[in-house]
Amino acid sequence: MYAETMTATQPRTKMFLDIPTAAELAGFSIRHFRRIIEEDGIPIVQIGRKFFILGRDFASWETSKRDKRD
């Protein structure tokens, strides 16, 4: 009957990551990460003049990158 609500203890994933933030999280320079986006085919979304990566796309790329790049 009751809908589950998100509590403060559950981790939250950001919905959108801008390119500089995603590059920092991934441990690459912005320039290098833009190249990775193109080479690995990471989907990007343009909102206004800025480009973003969906949080779920970044997370799935991050798990696959361990296999490819490490």
C-alpha atoms as a PDB file:
ATOM      1  CA  MET A   1       0.000   0.000   0.000  1.00  0.00           C
ATOM      2  CA  TYR A   2       2.770   2.435   0.824  1.00  0.00           C
ATOM      3  CA  ALA A   3       5.145   3.604  -1.869  1.00  0.00           C
ATOM      4  CA  GLU A   4       8.802   3.266  -1.009  1.00  0.00           C
ATOM      5  CA  THR A   5      10.619   6.551  -0.719  1.00  0.00           C
ATOM      6  CA  MET A   6      14.312   7.212  -1.037  1.00  0.00           C
ATOM      7  CA  THR A   7      16.028   7.635   2.300  1.00  0.00           C
ATOM      8  CA  ALA A   8      19.173   9.588   3.085  1.00  0.00           C
ATOM      9  CA  THR A   9      21.159   6.352   3.431  1.00  0.00           C
ATOM     10  CA  GLN A  10      20.563   5.266  -0.170  1.00  0.00           C
ATOM     11  CA  PRO A  11      23.158   6.544  -2.661  1.00  0.00           C
ATOM     12  CA  ARG A  12      21.954   8.982  -5.296  1.00  0.00           C
ATOM     13  CA  THR A  13      23.378   9.078  -8.791  1.00  0.00           C
ATOM     14  CA  LYS A  14      23.418  12.386 -10.603  1.00  0.00           C
ATOM     15  CA  MET A  15      21.105  12.378 -13.569  1.00  0.00           C
ATOM     16  CA  PHE A  16      23.417  14.421 -15.827  1.00  0.00           C
ATOM     17  CA  LEU A  17      27.164  15.014 -15.656  1.00  0.00           C
ATOM     18  CA  ASP A  18      28.730  17.853 -17.586  1.00  0.00           C
ATOM     19  CA  ILE A  19      31.866  16.959 -19.525  1.00  0.00           C
ATOM     20  CA  PRO A  20      34.366  18.613 -17.128  1.00  0.00           C
ATOM     21  CA  THR A  21      32.820  16.858 -14.112  1.00  0.00           C
ATOM     22  CA  ALA A  22      32.726  13.493 -15.872  1.00  0.00           C
ATOM     23  CA  ALA A  23      36.354  13.920 -16.976  1.00  0.00           C
ATOM     24  CA  GLU A  24      37.415  14.687 -13.409  1.00  0.00           C
ATOM     25  CA  LEU A  25      35.515  11.680 -12.041  1.00  0.00           C
ATOM     26  CA  ALA A  26      37.123   9.459 -14.670  1.00  0.00           C
ATOM     27  CA  GLY A  27      40.598  10.822 -13.925  1.00  0.00           C
ATOM     28  CA  PHE A  28      41.281  12.325 -17.355  1.00  0.00           C
ATOM     29  CA  SER A  29      41.790  15.828 -18.701  1.00  0.00           C
ATOM     30  CA  ILE A  30      38.777  17.362 -20.412  1.00  0.00           C
ATOM     31  CA  ARG A  31      40.510  17.219 -23.794  1.00  0.00           C
ATOM     32  CA  HIS A  32      41.432  13.560 -23.410  1.00  0.00           C
ATOM     33  CA  PHE A  33      37.987  12.645 -22.112  1.00  0.00           C
ATOM     34  CA  ARG A  34      36.342  14.265 -25.147  1.00  0.00           C
ATOM     35  CA  ARG A  35      38.462  11.950 -27.302  1.00  0.00           C
ATOM     36  CA  ILE A  36      37.353   8.973 -25.191  1.00  0.00           C
ATOM     37  CA  ILE A  37      33.706  10.006 -25.642  1.00  0.00           C
ATOM     38  CA  GLU A  38      34.172   9.934 -29.401  1.00  0.00           C
ATOM     39  CA  GLU A  39      36.222   6.710 -29.534  1.00  0.00           C
ATOM     40  CA  ASP A  40      34.068   4.738 -27.092  1.00  0.00           C
ATOM     41  CA  GLY A  41      30.786   6.101 -28.417  1.00  0.00           C
ATOM     42  CA  ILE A  42      29.555   7.424 -25.072  1.00  0.00           C
ATOM     43  CA  PRO A  43      26.158   9.023 -25.730  1.00  0.00           C
ATOM     44  CA  ILE A  44      25.967  12.738 -24.971  1.00  0.00           C
ATOM     45  CA  VAL A  45      22.992  15.073 -24.646  1.00  0.00           C
ATOM     46  CA  GLN A  46      23.009  18.747 -25.520  1.00  0.00           C
ATOM     47  CA  ILE A  47      20.982  21.044 -23.308  1.00  0.00           C
ATOM     48  CA  GLY A  48      21.266  24.628 -24.459  1.00  0.00           C
ATOM     49  CA  ARG A  49      24.924  25.193 -25.235  1.00  0.00           C
ATOM     50  CA  LYS A  50      26.285  22.574 -22.826  1.00  0.00           C
ATOM     51  CA  PHE A  51      26.874  18.867 -23.344  1.00  0.00           C
ATOM     52  CA  PHE A  52      26.100  16.251 -20.724  1.00  0.00           C
ATOM     53  CA  ILE A  53      26.488  12.529 -20.156  1.00  0.00           C
ATOM     54  CA  LEU A  54      23.687  10.649 -18.473  1.00  0.00           C
ATOM     55  CA  GLY A  55      24.763   9.289 -15.109  1.00  0.00           C
ATOM     56  CA  ARG A  56      23.778   5.737 -16.069  1.00  0.00           C
ATOM     57  CA  ASP A  57      25.792   5.952 -19.318  1.00  0.00           C
ATOM     58  CA  PHE A  58      28.829   7.202 -17.407  1.00  0.00           C
ATOM     59  CA  ALA A  59      28.487   4.377 -14.856  1.00  0.00           C
ATOM     60  CA  SER A  60      28.186   1.706 -17.550  1.00  0.00           C
ATOM     61  CA  TRP A  61      31.179   3.162 -19.437  1.00  0.00           C
ATOM     62  CA  GLU A  62      33.169   3.278 -16.221  1.00  0.00           C
ATOM     63  CA  THR A  63      32.610  -0.430 -15.541  1.00  0.00           C
ATOM     64  CA  SER A  64      33.528  -1.342 -19.132  1.00  0.00           C
ATOM     65  CA  LYS A  65      36.574   0.972 -19.145  1.00  0.00           C
ATOM     66  CA  ARG A  66      38.259  -1.123 -16.479  1.00  0.00           C
ATOM     67  CA  ASP A  67      38.326  -3.995 -18.954  1.00  0.00           C
ATOM     68  CA  LYS A  68      39.517  -1.910 -21.909  1.00  0.00           C
ATOM     69  CA  ARG A  69      41.908   0.688 -20.553  1.00  0.00           C
ATOM     70  CA  ASP A  70      43.494  -0.889 -17.472  1.00  0.00           C
END
